[in-house]
Amino acid sequence: MEINNLLGMDGNIVIGIVNERLRLECNSMSELISRYELDENELIDKMAQLGYQYDPLTNQFR
């Protein structure tokens, strides 16, 4: 699935895609941001609006 317009998608879809990519492809949020050329602040803000924060210990937004 393309995620180049990820931040414009519905929040429920975003959290699912982001956590899936973190689980299967990326070892950190930094790697996710780099690999998919995402804006870190926009991603963090979008997740915060949905009530999620990145947990580096589990490598997912919770």
C-alpha atoms as a PDB file:
ATOM      1  CA  MET A   1       0.000   0.000   0.000  1.00  0.00           C
ATOM      2  CA  GLU A   2       1.234   3.474  -0.820  1.00  0.00           C
ATOM      3  CA  ILE A   3       1.752   5.650   2.219  1.00  0.00           C
ATOM      4  CA  ASN A   4       3.017   8.796   0.526  1.00  0.00           C
ATOM      5  CA  ASN A   5      -0.226  10.587   1.466  1.00  0.00           C
ATOM      6  CA  LEU A   6      -0.504   8.818   4.809  1.00  0.00           C
ATOM      7  CA  LEU A   7      -1.095  11.893   6.921  1.00  0.00           C
ATOM      8  CA  GLY A   8      -4.158  12.865   4.875  1.00  0.00           C
ATOM      9  CA  MET A   9      -5.911   9.537   5.550  1.00  0.00           C
ATOM     10  CA  ASP A  10      -8.485   8.693   8.203  1.00  0.00           C
ATOM     11  CA  GLY A  11      -6.888   8.360  11.639  1.00  0.00           C
ATOM     12  CA  ASN A  12      -7.917   4.731  12.146  1.00  0.00           C
ATOM     13  CA  ILE A  13      -6.239   3.760   8.903  1.00  0.00           C
ATOM     14  CA  VAL A  14      -3.129   5.789   9.750  1.00  0.00           C
ATOM     15  CA  ILE A  15      -2.553   4.092  13.111  1.00  0.00           C
ATOM     16  CA  GLY A  16      -2.985   0.665  11.556  1.00  0.00           C
ATOM     17  CA  ILE A  17      -0.577   1.339   8.698  1.00  0.00           C
ATOM     18  CA  VAL A  18       2.035   3.051  10.856  1.00  0.00           C
ATOM     19  CA  ASN A  19       2.109   0.312  13.483  1.00  0.00           C
ATOM     20  CA  GLU A  20       2.149  -2.388  10.801  1.00  0.00           C
ATOM     21  CA  ARG A  21       5.141  -0.784   9.084  1.00  0.00           C
ATOM     22  CA  LEU A  22       6.911  -0.384  12.427  1.00  0.00           C
ATOM     23  CA  ARG A  23       6.254  -4.035  13.264  1.00  0.00           C
ATOM     24  CA  LEU A  24       7.216  -5.522   9.896  1.00  0.00           C
ATOM     25  CA  GLU A  25       9.697  -3.161   8.226  1.00  0.00           C
ATOM     26  CA  CYS A  26      11.194  -0.519  10.501  1.00  0.00           C
ATOM     27  CA  ASN A  27      13.127  -0.835  13.742  1.00  0.00           C
ATOM     28  CA  SER A  28      12.341   2.709  14.884  1.00  0.00           C
ATOM     29  CA  MET A  29      10.207   5.733  14.176  1.00  0.00           C
ATOM     30  CA  SER A  30      13.287   7.425  12.662  1.00  0.00           C
ATOM     31  CA  GLU A  31      13.657   4.592  10.170  1.00  0.00           C
ATOM     32  CA  LEU A  32       9.957   4.805   9.285  1.00  0.00           C
ATOM     33  CA  ILE A  33      10.191   8.545   8.708  1.00  0.00           C
ATOM     34  CA  SER A  34      13.326   8.197   6.606  1.00  0.00           C
ATOM     35  CA  ARG A  35      12.106   5.241   4.543  1.00  0.00           C
ATOM     36  CA  TYR A  36       8.771   6.821   3.659  1.00  0.00           C
ATOM     37  CA  GLU A  37       9.943  10.454   3.600  1.00  0.00           C
ATOM     38  CA  LEU A  38       7.395  11.529   6.209  1.00  0.00           C
ATOM     39  CA  ASP A  39       7.486  14.765   8.176  1.00  0.00           C
ATOM     40  CA  GLU A  40       8.280  13.762  11.768  1.00  0.00           C
ATOM     41  CA  ASN A  41       6.389  16.639  13.377  1.00  0.00           C
ATOM     42  CA  GLU A  42       3.304  16.052  11.226  1.00  0.00           C
ATOM     43  CA  LEU A  43       3.305  12.351  12.091  1.00  0.00           C
ATOM     44  CA  ILE A  44       3.708  13.007  15.820  1.00  0.00           C
ATOM     45  CA  ASP A  45       0.977  15.673  15.718  1.00  0.00           C
ATOM     46  CA  LYS A  46      -1.423  13.412  13.789  1.00  0.00           C
ATOM     47  CA  MET A  47      -0.882  10.567  16.245  1.00  0.00           C
ATOM     48  CA  ALA A  48      -1.277  12.914  19.241  1.00  0.00           C
ATOM     49  CA  GLN A  49      -4.601  14.164  17.853  1.00  0.00           C
ATOM     50  CA  LEU A  50      -5.733  10.542  17.786  1.00  0.00           C
ATOM     51  CA  GLY A  51      -4.522   9.990  21.349  1.00  0.00           C
ATOM     52  CA  TYR A  52      -1.383   7.999  20.509  1.00  0.00           C
ATOM     53  CA  GLN A  53       2.263   8.517  21.448  1.00  0.00           C
ATOM     54  CA  TYR A  54       5.295   6.632  20.174  1.00  0.00           C
ATOM     55  CA  ASP A  55       6.719   4.060  22.592  1.00  0.00           C
ATOM     56  CA  PRO A  56      10.311   3.217  21.613  1.00  0.00           C
ATOM     57  CA  LEU A  57      10.375   0.137  23.869  1.00  0.00           C
ATOM     58  CA  THR A  58       7.603  -1.560  21.925  1.00  0.00           C
ATOM     59  CA  ASN A  59       8.293   0.325  18.661  1.00  0.00           C
ATOM     60  CA  GLN A  60       4.675   1.301  18.200  1.00  0.00           C
ATOM     61  CA  PHE A  61       2.215   4.091  18.767  1.00  0.00           C
ATOM     62  CA  ARG A  62       0.069   3.390  21.836  1.00  0.00           C
END
